[in-house]
Amino acid sequence: MTWQATYKKWNDYQSLDKDLKQQLVGMANSDKELEDAFYKELTFGTGGMRGILGPGTNRLNIYTIRKAVEGLANYLEANVNDCYSRGVAVAYDCRYMSKEFAVETAKVLGAHGIKTYVFESLRPTPVLSFAVRYLHAAAGIMITASHNPPEYNGFKVYNEDGGQLPLQEAAEVIAKVQKVGNELTVPVKEQQEVEQDDLLTWVGEKVDQAYLRQLKTISKLDLAEIKQKDPLKIVFTPLHGTSHDMVLNGLQQLGFNDIHVVAEQAEPDPEFSTVASPNPEEHQAFTMAIEQGKERNADILIGADPDADRLGVAVQDGDGSYQVLTGNQLGTLMLDFVLSHSTPEQITNGRLIKTIVTTEMGRAIAAHYGVETIDTLTGFKFIGEKIKQFESTKEHFLFGYEESYGYLIGDFVRDKDAVQAAMIACEMASYWKAKGKTLLEAINQLYEQHGYFFEDMTSITLKGKDGAEKIGEIMTNVRENPFTEIGGLKVEQIEDYQIQERTLLESGNKEEINLPVENVVKYLLENNSWVCLRPSGTEPKIKCYYGVSSNYRKQSKTMLENLKQEMEHRISVIVE
């Protein structure tokens, strides 16, 4: 169907939701706006879907949610034993329409006779992952758009292991979703009916308490070490999201009591009104926390994104100011802390799991402790999938992380977990404080020991249909006109994950890459440096990652800047 025909189908539908109908009326005179809303169906990808709220097949609304749930229900009926009684766990964050979408999920599943466990109020994403395992549910759904702008929401699907769907399962669910006919006429039961029929159960405190009990198990310090002579001073911001209660309860049960919450950012707010972006990757998100950290002379500032799967940290830099650690720095520090506080028995056959765009410093530190590193594609679902595989091998999980502020310590959750990360970050800061060091001094000590591994990333936003086409042009150009040198560094290997092939430039030999297909190109350069280009799977962005290493800080900084300048210039030429 043309977008005009699809728009007409919606506009003529007599039972269309009143709010969506009113928005359609407001769009009636803008062909560009209507085309973008109806020219395609909102992509249900390997992690679910994320999109702008509003009417249309390319928007997130009750009808596109119903279609996604209908496809998932059909998949569960065909593939998961006892899915009707085991049910589906559903959680949601603070965004517009989040709770409404959770209820719509229960209404569609109820029409299939599948039970739904819905949290009575907002919860972090990692608690949803935990709940799937704790309730022995057949699947899980998280309604969230993570740190996207306020106009977005999303729908993430988890399997019975509590991890995001691996590629094969995702492909099967996507196929079921695509087979659903008219999204406007998906059968639903009313909320009152599913509640009366015991097909909708509201859950909360019991799951929370079970999660908090598990949280204690990742602790690496005893109470006496935490309650030292000069206890750690913490400033915490939930950035208007879901992490407030869990992080406070988790820290307090470990023995941390000097915690100041940024009051202006403590309450859930779908507009995220005090920040330009509720993303701890972006330093502006810490502006208020830094102000209050200075007032209180805090040792560490911690901030979680709205659905509490990413954690950022800022620490004192010695002159009363605060520096936000990069995701790679924080992950490296936590990895070293976890491994240095693990017994030889715990480390034996233990594994670090990281993504292909995460710092290589992690590999160096893991090797120092005799731990093997496993690389995955970008996305925590691949880390969760590896943890599941360990159940049938002699390997066991020690730590997982990605450069975009995602970390996991305890495998009772199978997705990145900002609550766990907050616990370990504060224990780590307390440990180093007792030794008279800040976390900045600790990371510098690791640089001196293992080498100056520096990383950065360029992110270009290209929205809409035109933007998607431009991102495609960039990837095509890079493949058809490959670099032989970048920033003065010779290219030694080119990895193209779309064809699962590694090319060794000097010999011309080719090797198979034993990872799933993905639209990613990575250049491996001399001196253990690298550049990687990948379109985002969840946002209208193309990202270029850079990594360098040397024995000297100044040398690594220069190498990194040269890589960035050359890649940004080439991308800008293509975009223009």
Protein backbone atom coordinates (compact mmCIF):
# COMPACT_ATOMS: atom_id res chain seq x y z
CA MET A 1 0.00 0.00 0.00
CA THR A 2 1.09 3.59 -0.61
CA TRP A 3 1.40 5.82 2.40
CA GLN A 4 -1.67 7.69 1.19
CA ALA A 5 -3.73 4.48 1.21
CA THR A 6 -2.49 3.51 4.66
CA TYR A 7 -3.27 6.98 5.97
CA LYS A 8 -6.77 6.76 4.51
CA LYS A 9 -7.30 3.38 6.20
CA TRP A 10 -6.48 4.94 9.55
CA ASN A 11 -8.35 8.16 8.94
CA ASP A 12 -11.51 6.29 7.89
CA TYR A 13 -11.42 3.82 10.79
CA GLN A 14 -14.54 4.60 12.82
CA SER A 15 -13.24 3.23 16.14
CA LEU A 16 -9.87 4.98 16.04
CA ASP A 17 -8.65 6.15 19.44
CA LYS A 18 -9.91 9.70 20.01
CA ASP A 19 -6.53 11.18 20.91
CA LEU A 20 -4.88 9.68 17.83
CA LYS A 21 -7.76 10.86 15.66
CA GLN A 22 -7.31 14.39 16.95
CA GLN A 23 -3.58 14.26 16.16
CA LEU A 24 -4.35 13.04 12.63
CA VAL A 25 -6.63 16.01 12.11
CA GLY A 26 -3.76 18.29 13.11
CA MET A 27 -1.45 16.62 10.56
CA ALA A 28 -3.96 16.74 7.68
CA ASN A 29 -2.31 19.66 5.85
CA SER A 30 1.28 18.35 6.03
CA ASP A 31 2.05 15.71 3.43
CA LYS A 32 5.64 15.43 4.69
CA GLU A 33 4.48 14.74 8.25
CA LEU A 34 1.86 12.24 7.06
CA GLU A 35 4.30 10.47 4.76
CA ASP A 36 6.84 10.02 7.55
CA ALA A 37 4.11 8.62 9.82
CA PHE A 38 2.71 6.17 7.24
CA TYR A 39 5.38 5.42 4.58
CA LYS A 40 6.47 2.24 6.38
CA GLU A 41 5.75 0.12 9.41
CA LEU A 42 7.73 0.87 12.56
CA THR A 43 10.62 -1.57 12.43
CA PHE A 44 10.37 -4.44 14.88
CA GLY A 45 14.02 -5.34 15.14
CA THR A 46 16.12 -7.79 17.12
CA GLY A 47 15.63 -5.83 20.34
CA GLY A 48 12.00 -4.87 19.81
CA MET A 49 11.02 -1.46 18.55
CA ARG A 50 11.46 2.20 19.44
CA GLY A 51 9.80 5.19 17.86
CA ILE A 52 8.12 8.56 18.11
CA LEU A 53 4.72 8.59 19.77
CA GLY A 54 1.77 9.44 17.57
CA PRO A 55 -0.64 8.11 14.93
CA GLY A 56 0.65 6.06 12.02
CA THR A 57 2.26 2.75 11.18
CA ASN A 58 5.72 4.31 11.62
CA ARG A 59 4.86 5.61 15.08
CA LEU A 60 4.42 4.06 18.50
CA ASN A 61 0.77 3.95 19.57
CA ILE A 62 -1.73 1.47 20.99
CA TYR A 63 -2.21 -0.13 17.58
CA THR A 64 1.45 -0.70 16.74
CA ILE A 65 1.92 -1.99 20.31
CA ARG A 66 -1.03 -4.37 19.86
CA LYS A 67 0.41 -5.67 16.60
CA ALA A 68 3.79 -6.36 18.24
CA VAL A 69 2.16 -8.14 21.19
CA GLU A 70 -0.06 -10.17 18.85
CA GLY A 71 3.02 -11.38 17.00
CA LEU A 72 4.78 -12.24 20.27
CA ALA A 73 1.69 -14.12 21.52
CA ASN A 74 1.57 -16.17 18.32
CA TYR A 75 5.26 -16.97 18.73
CA LEU A 76 4.84 -18.04 22.37
CA GLU A 77 1.90 -20.30 21.55
CA ALA A 78 3.98 -22.03 18.87
CA ASN A 79 7.30 -22.28 20.74
CA VAL A 80 7.09 -22.03 24.54
CA ASN A 81 5.65 -24.79 26.71
CA ASP A 82 3.01 -23.75 29.24
CA CYS A 83 3.11 -20.15 28.02
CA TYR A 84 -0.52 -19.64 29.10
CA SER A 85 0.13 -20.39 32.78
CA ARG A 86 3.74 -19.16 32.91
CA GLY A 87 2.70 -15.83 31.45
CA VAL A 88 4.63 -12.73 30.47
CA ALA A 89 6.26 -10.22 32.86
CA VAL A 90 5.76 -6.57 31.90
CA ALA A 91 7.43 -3.45 33.30
CA TYR A 92 7.53 0.15 32.17
CA ASP A 93 9.34 3.42 32.77
CA CYS A 94 8.24 7.03 33.26
CA ARG A 95 7.60 7.96 29.61
CA TYR A 96 4.37 9.14 28.09
CA MET A 97 1.97 6.23 27.49
CA SER A 98 4.24 3.69 29.21
CA LYS A 99 1.67 2.34 31.67
CA GLU A 100 -1.05 2.50 29.01
CA PHE A 101 1.09 0.39 26.68
CA ALA A 102 1.71 -2.10 29.51
CA VAL A 103 -2.04 -2.47 29.99
CA GLU A 104 -2.59 -2.80 26.23
CA THR A 105 -0.04 -5.62 26.31
CA ALA A 106 -2.07 -7.45 28.96
CA LYS A 107 -5.28 -6.91 26.98
CA VAL A 108 -3.84 -8.52 23.83
CA LEU A 109 -2.20 -11.40 25.72
CA GLY A 110 -5.45 -11.87 27.65
CA ALA A 111 -7.31 -12.39 24.36
CA HIS A 112 -4.99 -15.37 23.83
CA GLY A 113 -5.53 -16.67 27.36
CA ILE A 114 -1.93 -15.83 28.30
CA LYS A 115 -1.40 -14.53 31.83
CA THR A 116 0.43 -11.22 32.33
CA TYR A 117 2.37 -10.02 35.39
CA VAL A 118 2.47 -6.22 35.28
CA PHE A 119 4.33 -4.07 37.83
CA GLU A 120 1.95 -1.74 39.64
CA SER A 121 4.34 1.20 39.13
CA LEU A 122 7.46 2.03 37.13
CA ARG A 123 10.53 -0.20 37.47
CA PRO A 124 14.09 -0.37 36.09
CA THR A 125 14.77 -2.53 33.05
CA PRO A 126 17.10 -4.87 34.99
CA VAL A 127 14.30 -5.59 37.47
CA LEU A 128 12.15 -6.71 34.54
CA SER A 129 14.95 -9.03 33.39
CA PHE A 130 15.20 -10.40 36.93
CA ALA A 131 11.40 -10.75 37.21
CA VAL A 132 11.21 -12.97 34.13
CA ARG A 133 13.61 -15.42 35.78
CA TYR A 134 12.13 -15.08 39.27
CA LEU A 135 8.54 -15.66 38.08
CA HIS A 136 9.60 -18.39 35.61
CA ALA A 137 7.71 -16.42 32.98
CA ALA A 138 7.63 -17.43 29.32
CA ALA A 139 8.82 -13.99 28.23
CA GLY A 140 9.19 -10.38 29.33
CA ILE A 141 8.37 -6.97 27.91
CA MET A 142 9.86 -3.64 28.93
CA ILE A 143 8.11 -0.46 27.82
CA THR A 144 10.93 2.07 27.51
CA ALA A 145 12.89 4.22 25.09
CA SER A 146 15.89 4.31 27.41
CA HIS A 147 17.52 7.76 27.08
CA ASN A 148 15.84 8.86 23.84
CA PRO A 149 14.13 12.30 23.73
CA PRO A 150 10.70 12.73 25.40
CA GLU A 151 8.71 12.19 22.18
CA TYR A 152 9.90 8.56 22.00
CA ASN A 153 8.83 5.32 23.64
CA GLY A 154 9.76 1.72 22.99
CA PHE A 155 8.98 -1.97 23.37
CA LYS A 156 11.75 -4.43 24.30
CA VAL A 157 11.18 -8.19 24.33
CA TYR A 158 12.92 -10.67 26.64
CA ASN A 159 12.98 -14.44 26.42
CA GLU A 160 12.40 -16.91 29.24
CA ASP A 161 16.05 -16.58 30.30
CA GLY A 162 15.55 -12.88 31.04
CA GLY A 163 17.77 -11.77 28.18
CA GLN A 164 16.88 -9.71 25.14
CA LEU A 165 15.92 -11.99 22.28
CA PRO A 166 18.91 -13.59 20.53
CA LEU A 167 18.95 -13.29 16.76
CA GLN A 168 17.22 -16.57 15.87
CA GLU A 169 14.38 -16.07 18.36
CA ALA A 170 14.09 -12.44 17.33
CA ALA A 171 13.80 -13.42 13.67
CA GLU A 172 10.97 -15.82 14.50
CA VAL A 173 9.11 -13.19 16.55
CA ILE A 174 9.63 -10.58 13.80
CA ALA A 175 8.18 -13.02 11.26
CA LYS A 176 5.11 -13.51 13.46
CA VAL A 177 4.68 -9.75 13.88
CA GLN A 178 4.93 -9.20 10.14
CA LYS A 179 2.20 -11.80 9.55
CA VAL A 180 -0.26 -9.91 11.70
CA GLY A 181 -2.82 -8.30 9.38
CA ASN A 182 -4.54 -5.05 10.19
CA GLU A 183 -3.01 -3.48 13.29
CA LEU A 184 -6.25 -1.59 13.88
CA THR A 185 -8.28 -4.75 14.43
CA VAL A 186 -6.06 -6.90 16.69
CA PRO A 187 -8.42 -8.65 19.20
CA VAL A 188 -8.21 -7.40 22.80
CA LYS A 189 -10.00 -8.01 26.07
CA GLU A 190 -10.89 -5.13 28.35
CA GLN A 191 -8.71 -4.50 31.41
CA GLN A 192 -11.51 -5.30 33.83
CA GLU A 193 -12.12 -8.59 32.06
CA VAL A 194 -8.49 -9.78 32.16
CA GLU A 195 -8.28 -8.82 35.83
CA GLN A 196 -11.47 -10.71 36.67
CA ASP A 197 -10.29 -13.76 34.72
CA ASP A 198 -6.96 -13.76 36.62
CA LEU A 199 -5.11 -13.07 33.36
CA LEU A 200 -3.63 -9.82 34.73
CA THR A 201 -1.75 -9.89 38.03
CA TRP A 202 -0.21 -6.73 39.44
CA VAL A 203 3.21 -7.41 40.99
CA GLY A 204 5.79 -5.38 42.85
CA GLU A 205 7.25 -5.61 46.35
CA LYS A 206 7.89 -9.38 46.44
CA VAL A 207 9.94 -9.20 43.24
CA ASP A 208 11.74 -6.06 44.49
CA GLN A 209 12.79 -7.74 47.73
CA ALA A 210 14.05 -10.82 45.88
CA TYR A 211 16.11 -8.60 43.57
CA LEU A 212 17.58 -6.68 46.53
CA ARG A 213 18.58 -9.97 48.20
CA GLN A 214 20.46 -10.96 45.06
CA LEU A 215 22.05 -7.52 44.91
CA LYS A 216 23.86 -8.26 48.18
CA THR A 217 25.64 -11.18 46.58
CA ILE A 218 27.74 -9.00 44.26
CA SER A 219 29.30 -7.05 47.15
CA LYS A 220 33.09 -7.26 47.34
CA LEU A 221 33.63 -5.42 50.66
CA ASP A 222 32.45 -6.17 54.16
CA LEU A 223 30.54 -3.69 56.30
CA ALA A 224 33.62 -2.61 58.28
CA GLU A 225 35.44 -1.65 55.07
CA ILE A 226 32.48 0.45 53.89
CA LYS A 227 31.92 2.12 57.28
CA GLN A 228 35.49 3.38 57.40
CA LYS A 229 36.75 6.33 59.45
CA ASP A 230 35.90 8.73 56.60
CA PRO A 231 32.89 7.13 54.86
CA LEU A 232 32.19 7.68 51.17
CA LYS A 233 30.08 10.74 50.32
CA ILE A 234 27.70 10.06 47.41
CA VAL A 235 25.51 12.30 45.24
CA PHE A 236 22.96 10.39 43.19
CA THR A 237 20.65 11.46 40.37
CA PRO A 238 17.99 9.19 38.82
CA LEU A 239 17.64 11.73 35.96
CA HIS A 240 13.83 11.71 36.38
CA GLY A 241 13.68 7.96 35.83
CA THR A 242 13.10 4.62 37.54
CA SER A 243 16.26 4.04 39.59
CA HIS A 244 15.56 6.11 42.74
CA ASP A 245 14.23 3.45 45.11
CA MET A 246 16.35 0.52 43.98
CA VAL A 247 19.66 2.39 44.07
CA LEU A 248 18.96 3.93 47.48
CA ASN A 249 17.81 0.64 48.98
CA GLY A 250 20.73 -1.21 47.43
CA LEU A 251 23.34 1.23 48.70
CA GLN A 252 21.84 1.43 52.17
CA GLN A 253 21.71 -2.33 52.61
CA LEU A 254 25.45 -2.44 51.81
CA GLY A 255 26.14 0.14 54.52
CA PHE A 256 26.37 3.42 52.58
CA ASN A 257 24.49 6.14 54.45
CA ASP A 258 25.97 9.46 53.29
CA ILE A 259 23.83 9.67 50.11
CA HIS A 260 22.40 12.91 48.76
CA VAL A 261 19.78 12.64 46.02
CA VAL A 262 19.46 15.51 43.53
CA ALA A 263 15.93 16.52 44.53
CA GLU A 264 15.12 18.34 41.27
CA GLN A 265 15.76 15.11 39.33
CA ALA A 266 14.38 12.60 41.84
CA GLU A 267 10.77 12.55 40.64
CA PRO A 268 9.81 10.73 37.43
CA ASP A 269 9.25 13.23 34.61
CA PRO A 270 8.49 12.20 30.99
CA GLU A 271 9.79 15.58 29.79
CA PHE A 272 13.16 15.16 31.57
CA SER A 273 12.79 18.87 32.15
CA THR A 274 16.12 19.64 33.86
CA VAL A 275 18.39 18.08 31.20
CA ALA A 276 18.88 18.44 27.46
CA SER A 277 19.13 14.65 27.32
CA PRO A 278 18.63 12.12 30.16
CA ASN A 279 21.72 10.22 29.09
CA PRO A 280 24.64 9.77 31.53
CA GLU A 281 26.91 9.41 28.48
CA GLU A 282 26.43 13.15 27.93
CA HIS A 283 28.20 15.25 30.53
CA GLN A 284 25.49 17.93 30.70
CA ALA A 285 23.30 15.36 32.47
CA PHE A 286 25.60 15.74 35.51
CA THR A 287 25.34 19.55 35.76
CA MET A 288 23.09 19.57 38.83
CA ALA A 289 24.85 16.63 40.45
CA ILE A 290 28.20 18.42 40.05
CA GLU A 291 26.83 21.61 41.65
CA GLN A 292 25.56 19.64 44.64
CA GLY A 293 28.70 17.52 44.75
CA LYS A 294 30.77 20.67 45.19
CA GLU A 295 28.47 21.90 47.97
CA ARG A 296 28.79 18.62 49.85
CA ASN A 297 32.38 17.77 48.92
CA ALA A 298 31.12 14.44 47.57
CA ASP A 299 33.60 11.73 46.62
CA ILE A 300 31.48 10.28 43.80
CA LEU A 301 28.49 11.33 41.70
CA ILE A 302 26.36 8.59 40.15
CA GLY A 303 23.59 8.99 37.56
CA ALA A 304 21.37 6.39 35.90
CA ASP A 305 19.44 6.80 32.67
CA PRO A 306 15.60 6.74 32.83
CA ASP A 307 15.16 2.95 32.65
CA ALA A 308 18.22 2.34 34.85
CA ASP A 309 20.23 0.09 32.60
CA ARG A 310 23.12 2.58 32.11
CA LEU A 311 25.20 4.26 34.80
CA GLY A 312 27.50 7.26 34.59
CA VAL A 313 29.99 8.36 37.26
CA ALA A 314 31.83 11.60 37.99
CA VAL A 315 34.64 11.95 40.52
CA GLN A 316 36.75 14.68 42.07
CA ASP A 317 39.78 15.66 40.01
CA GLY A 318 41.90 17.06 42.83
CA ASP A 319 41.11 20.78 42.55
CA GLY A 320 37.49 20.69 43.71
CA SER A 321 36.06 20.06 40.25
CA TYR A 322 34.50 16.87 38.93
CA GLN A 323 35.32 14.82 35.87
CA VAL A 324 32.83 12.45 34.25
CA LEU A 325 34.43 9.10 33.55
CA THR A 326 33.96 7.59 30.13
CA GLY A 327 32.05 4.32 29.86
CA ASN A 328 35.30 2.57 29.03
CA GLN A 329 37.10 4.04 32.04
CA LEU A 330 34.32 3.13 34.47
CA GLY A 331 34.06 -0.39 33.07
CA THR A 332 37.82 -0.86 33.23
CA LEU A 333 37.93 0.28 36.86
CA MET A 334 35.04 -1.98 37.84
CA LEU A 335 36.59 -4.94 36.02
CA ASP A 336 39.89 -4.51 37.84
CA PHE A 337 38.08 -4.08 41.18
CA VAL A 338 35.93 -7.20 40.68
CA LEU A 339 38.87 -9.37 39.55
CA SER A 340 41.24 -8.10 42.24
CA HIS A 341 38.60 -8.96 44.86
CA SER A 342 37.88 -12.44 43.49
CA THR A 343 39.45 -15.67 44.75
CA PRO A 344 41.54 -17.91 42.47
CA GLU A 345 38.68 -20.41 42.56
CA GLN A 346 36.22 -17.75 41.38
CA ILE A 347 38.53 -16.68 38.55
CA THR A 348 39.21 -20.21 37.28
CA ASN A 349 37.36 -20.65 33.97
CA GLY A 350 35.86 -17.19 34.47
CA ARG A 351 35.19 -14.97 31.47
CA LEU A 352 35.07 -11.27 30.68
CA ILE A 353 32.55 -10.47 27.93
CA LYS A 354 32.80 -7.20 26.04
CA THR A 355 31.62 -5.81 22.70
CA ILE A 356 33.77 -5.18 19.61
CA VAL A 357 33.64 -1.40 20.17
CA THR A 358 34.61 -1.55 23.84
CA THR A 359 38.14 -0.67 24.98
CA GLU A 360 40.88 -3.23 24.49
CA MET A 361 42.20 -2.26 27.91
CA GLY A 362 39.70 -4.69 29.39
CA ARG A 363 41.37 -7.55 27.55
CA ALA A 364 44.77 -6.49 28.94
CA ILE A 365 43.48 -6.33 32.52
CA ALA A 366 41.61 -9.64 32.24
CA ALA A 367 44.76 -11.30 30.89
CA HIS A 368 46.72 -9.90 33.86
CA TYR A 369 44.43 -11.91 36.15
CA GLY A 370 44.47 -14.97 33.91
CA VAL A 371 40.93 -14.39 32.62
CA GLU A 372 39.94 -14.95 28.98
CA THR A 373 38.03 -12.25 27.09
CA ILE A 374 35.13 -12.99 24.75
CA ASP A 375 34.05 -10.39 22.16
CA THR A 376 30.47 -9.96 21.00
CA LEU A 377 28.68 -7.65 18.60
CA THR A 378 27.39 -4.36 19.98
CA GLY A 379 24.30 -4.87 22.12
CA PHE A 380 23.94 -6.41 25.56
CA LYS A 381 21.67 -9.13 24.18
CA PHE A 382 24.81 -10.83 22.86
CA ILE A 383 26.41 -10.71 26.32
CA GLY A 384 23.25 -12.19 27.86
CA GLU A 385 23.25 -14.92 25.22
CA LYS A 386 26.84 -15.85 26.08
CA ILE A 387 26.00 -16.10 29.79
CA LYS A 388 23.21 -18.54 28.92
CA GLN A 389 25.66 -20.63 26.88
CA PHE A 390 27.97 -20.89 29.90
CA GLU A 391 25.32 -23.03 31.62
CA SER A 392 26.34 -25.90 29.33
CA THR A 393 30.12 -25.31 29.49
CA LYS A 394 32.71 -25.13 32.25
CA GLU A 395 32.97 -21.37 31.77
CA HIS A 396 31.37 -18.89 34.11
CA PHE A 397 30.59 -15.20 33.92
CA LEU A 398 32.69 -12.68 35.85
CA PHE A 399 31.92 -9.31 34.25
CA GLY A 400 30.33 -7.87 31.12
CA TYR A 401 30.42 -4.35 29.74
CA GLU A 402 30.12 -2.06 26.75
CA GLU A 403 31.48 1.44 26.20
CA SER A 404 28.01 3.00 26.26
CA TYR A 405 27.80 2.79 30.06
CA GLY A 406 26.29 -0.70 30.26
CA TYR A 407 27.63 -3.08 32.94
CA LEU A 408 26.70 -6.40 34.55
CA ILE A 409 28.30 -8.11 37.53
CA GLY A 410 25.79 -10.68 38.81
CA ASP A 411 24.14 -12.96 36.28
CA PHE A 412 20.81 -13.06 38.13
CA VAL A 413 20.04 -10.32 35.59
CA ARG A 414 20.66 -10.90 31.88
CA ASP A 415 20.81 -7.30 30.69
CA LYS A 416 22.93 -4.31 31.63
CA ASP A 417 22.12 -3.13 35.13
CA ALA A 418 22.73 0.39 36.46
CA VAL A 419 21.66 -0.64 39.96
CA GLN A 420 24.35 -3.32 40.16
CA ALA A 421 26.83 -0.90 38.61
CA ALA A 422 26.00 1.76 41.21
CA MET A 423 26.73 -0.72 44.02
CA ILE A 424 30.11 -1.74 42.62
CA ALA A 425 31.07 1.83 41.65
CA CYS A 426 30.49 3.02 45.21
CA GLU A 427 32.26 0.04 46.78
CA MET A 428 35.17 0.63 44.42
CA ALA A 429 35.32 4.35 45.27
CA SER A 430 35.20 3.49 48.97
CA TYR A 431 38.04 0.99 48.55
CA TRP A 432 40.27 3.49 46.76
CA LYS A 433 39.35 6.29 49.18
CA ALA A 434 40.61 4.13 52.06
CA LYS A 435 43.91 3.97 50.16
CA GLY A 436 43.96 7.75 49.78
CA LYS A 437 43.15 7.74 46.06
CA THR A 438 40.33 9.03 43.87
CA LEU A 439 39.00 6.97 40.98
CA LEU A 440 40.89 9.28 38.60
CA GLU A 441 44.12 8.39 40.36
CA ALA A 442 43.10 4.73 40.21
CA ILE A 443 42.51 4.79 36.45
CA ASN A 444 45.84 6.57 35.94
CA GLN A 445 47.52 3.82 37.93
CA LEU A 446 45.94 1.26 35.57
CA TYR A 447 47.11 3.26 32.52
CA GLU A 448 50.67 3.23 33.84
CA GLN A 449 50.45 -0.50 34.43
CA HIS A 450 48.73 -1.65 31.22
CA GLY A 451 49.17 1.19 28.70
CA TYR A 452 47.31 4.34 27.71
CA PHE A 453 44.20 2.98 26.01
CA PHE A 454 42.09 5.94 24.86
CA GLU A 455 38.78 5.82 23.00
CA ASP A 456 36.19 8.19 21.58
CA MET A 457 33.09 8.14 19.41
CA THR A 458 31.51 10.39 16.79
CA SER A 459 27.73 10.21 16.52
CA ILE A 460 25.81 11.79 13.64
CA THR A 461 22.00 12.02 13.79
CA LEU A 462 20.22 11.69 10.43
CA LYS A 463 16.47 11.55 10.97
CA GLY A 464 13.62 10.32 8.82
CA LYS A 465 13.57 8.62 5.44
CA ASP A 466 16.27 10.89 3.98
CA GLY A 467 18.51 10.26 6.97
CA ALA A 468 18.19 6.49 6.69
CA GLU A 469 19.20 6.70 3.02
CA LYS A 470 22.21 8.88 3.87
CA ILE A 471 23.38 6.39 6.53
CA GLY A 472 23.19 3.67 3.88
CA GLU A 473 25.29 5.79 1.52
CA ILE A 474 27.99 6.22 4.17
CA MET A 475 28.29 2.48 4.79
CA THR A 476 28.33 1.75 1.04
CA ASN A 477 31.06 4.34 0.46
CA VAL A 478 33.26 2.92 3.21
CA ARG A 479 32.93 -0.58 1.74
CA GLU A 480 33.52 0.44 -1.87
CA ASN A 481 36.41 2.82 -1.09
CA PRO A 482 38.24 1.21 1.86
CA PHE A 483 40.99 3.02 3.72
CA THR A 484 44.58 1.80 3.58
CA GLU A 485 45.66 4.41 6.15
CA ILE A 486 43.76 6.46 8.74
CA GLY A 487 45.25 9.33 10.69
CA GLY A 488 48.76 8.32 9.76
CA LEU A 489 48.25 4.72 10.93
CA LYS A 490 48.44 1.85 8.47
CA VAL A 491 45.35 -0.36 8.08
CA GLU A 492 46.34 -3.98 8.75
CA GLN A 493 42.94 -5.71 8.65
CA ILE A 494 39.38 -4.86 7.60
CA GLU A 495 36.50 -6.65 9.29
CA ASP A 496 33.14 -6.54 7.51
CA TYR A 497 30.54 -8.11 9.76
CA GLN A 498 27.85 -7.88 7.07
CA ILE A 499 29.69 -10.57 5.08
CA GLN A 500 31.40 -12.06 8.19
CA GLU A 501 34.81 -11.65 6.61
CA ARG A 502 38.19 -10.35 7.79
CA THR A 503 40.69 -9.22 5.13
CA LEU A 504 44.41 -9.13 5.95
CA LEU A 505 45.72 -6.33 3.74
CA GLU A 506 49.39 -7.31 3.56
CA SER A 507 48.75 -10.89 2.37
CA GLY A 508 45.32 -10.43 0.86
CA ASN A 509 44.14 -13.48 2.82
CA LYS A 510 40.59 -13.64 4.09
CA GLU A 511 39.27 -15.19 7.33
CA GLU A 512 35.78 -15.96 8.55
CA ILE A 513 34.41 -13.88 11.43
CA ASN A 514 32.53 -16.17 13.80
CA LEU A 515 29.94 -13.61 14.87
CA PRO A 516 26.41 -12.91 13.59
CA VAL A 517 25.77 -10.74 10.54
CA GLU A 518 25.57 -7.02 11.28
CA ASN A 519 26.03 -3.85 9.25
CA VAL A 520 29.42 -2.97 10.76
CA VAL A 521 32.87 -2.27 9.30
CA LYS A 522 35.92 -2.26 11.56
CA TYR A 523 39.46 -1.22 10.60
CA LEU A 524 42.28 -2.76 12.64
CA LEU A 525 45.30 -0.46 12.48
CA GLU A 526 48.92 -0.68 13.50
CA ASN A 527 49.86 -0.06 17.16
CA ASN A 528 46.71 -1.85 18.41
CA SER A 529 44.52 1.01 17.19
CA TRP A 530 41.15 0.63 15.48
CA VAL A 531 38.16 2.44 13.91
CA CYS A 532 34.64 1.02 13.68
CA LEU A 533 31.58 2.33 11.81
CA ARG A 534 28.06 1.14 12.63
CA PRO A 535 24.52 2.49 12.25
CA SER A 536 22.64 2.52 15.55
CA GLY A 537 20.02 -0.16 15.90
CA THR A 538 17.77 1.97 18.12
CA GLU A 539 18.28 5.59 17.04
CA PRO A 540 18.54 7.45 13.69
CA LYS A 541 22.31 7.72 14.05
CA ILE A 542 25.53 6.46 12.54
CA LYS A 543 28.35 6.01 15.01
CA CYS A 544 32.09 5.94 14.45
CA TYR A 545 34.20 4.50 17.28
CA TYR A 546 37.95 5.00 17.76
CA GLY A 547 40.51 3.22 19.93
CA VAL A 548 44.26 3.73 20.35
CA SER A 549 46.96 2.58 22.74
CA SER A 550 50.58 3.44 23.47
CA ASN A 551 52.94 3.68 26.42
CA TYR A 552 52.56 7.46 26.64
CA ARG A 553 49.54 9.64 27.40
CA LYS A 554 50.46 12.43 24.97
CA GLN A 555 51.14 10.00 22.14
CA SER A 556 47.78 8.26 22.60
CA LYS A 557 45.94 11.59 22.68
CA THR A 558 47.57 12.69 19.42
CA MET A 559 46.82 9.37 17.72
CA LEU A 560 43.18 9.53 18.81
CA GLU A 561 42.71 13.10 17.55
CA ASN A 562 44.22 12.24 14.17
CA LEU A 563 41.84 9.30 13.73
CA LYS A 564 38.81 11.42 14.64
CA GLN A 565 39.70 14.29 12.34
CA GLU A 566 40.17 12.10 9.28
CA MET A 567 37.02 10.01 9.82
CA GLU A 568 34.82 13.01 10.61
CA HIS A 569 36.05 14.75 7.47
CA ARG A 570 35.29 11.75 5.29
CA ILE A 571 31.81 11.26 6.75
CA SER A 572 30.98 14.96 6.40
CA VAL A 573 31.97 14.89 2.71
CA ILE A 574 29.57 11.99 2.10
CA VAL A 575 26.74 13.61 4.08
CA GLU A 576 27.08 16.91 2.23
